[in-house]
Amino acid sequence: MHSSVIHPIFSKLTGNGRVWIFTANRKLNPEEQLYVRAKFDVFCRDWSAHGSMLKAQFEILFDQLLVLGADEDVEPASGCAIDRSTAIFQAIEQELHLDLFNRLNLFYKNGEEWIMIPMHQLMDAYQKKLISDSTIFFDNSINSLHDFRTRWEVPLSESWLATKIKS
């Protein structure tokens, strides 16, 4: 069994909670990152559910992954609150000409570098031995803070992608 990396981000979110991971189709430049961080600083400070403030944090990882976390031990994120978070991701996607909602953009680790690969290229990369069963992938399908912290980085053989290779 793979020993997953425990991610230290979201240190202010100590309880049980949710996470939303969006993969950009390209790296954000430093100016874009400042812009996105500023938008999410305001969003996280003002985000509420049924009149109660949510405890939330936002991170940009590897210049390309936008991750929002909410501590639901403080207050659960309601449907309306989740809709507001989706709306800000949609606005950023439009403003910066990104593709954030394509869940078929995957990331794997090659040495110290993270590489994006579209799902339709996965089998070809596997057959050409660019990736293997032990290649580390981000499992961006997870939605809990606990899973994000403990099993976000997993070998291909232990991820949901394994079924795509074996079929």
Foldseek 3Di string as FASTA:
>chain_A
DDFFAFDCPPVVQDAKWWKAKWFWPDFADPVLVVVLQVVVVVCQVPQDDPPHHWRKDWDDPPRTMTMIMTRCVRPHQDPVSVVVVVVSVVVSCVVVVIDGPQPQFWWWDDPNDIDTDGNVCVLVCDVVVVAHQQIWIAQSVGIMSVCNRTPRIGGCVPHPNVVVNVD
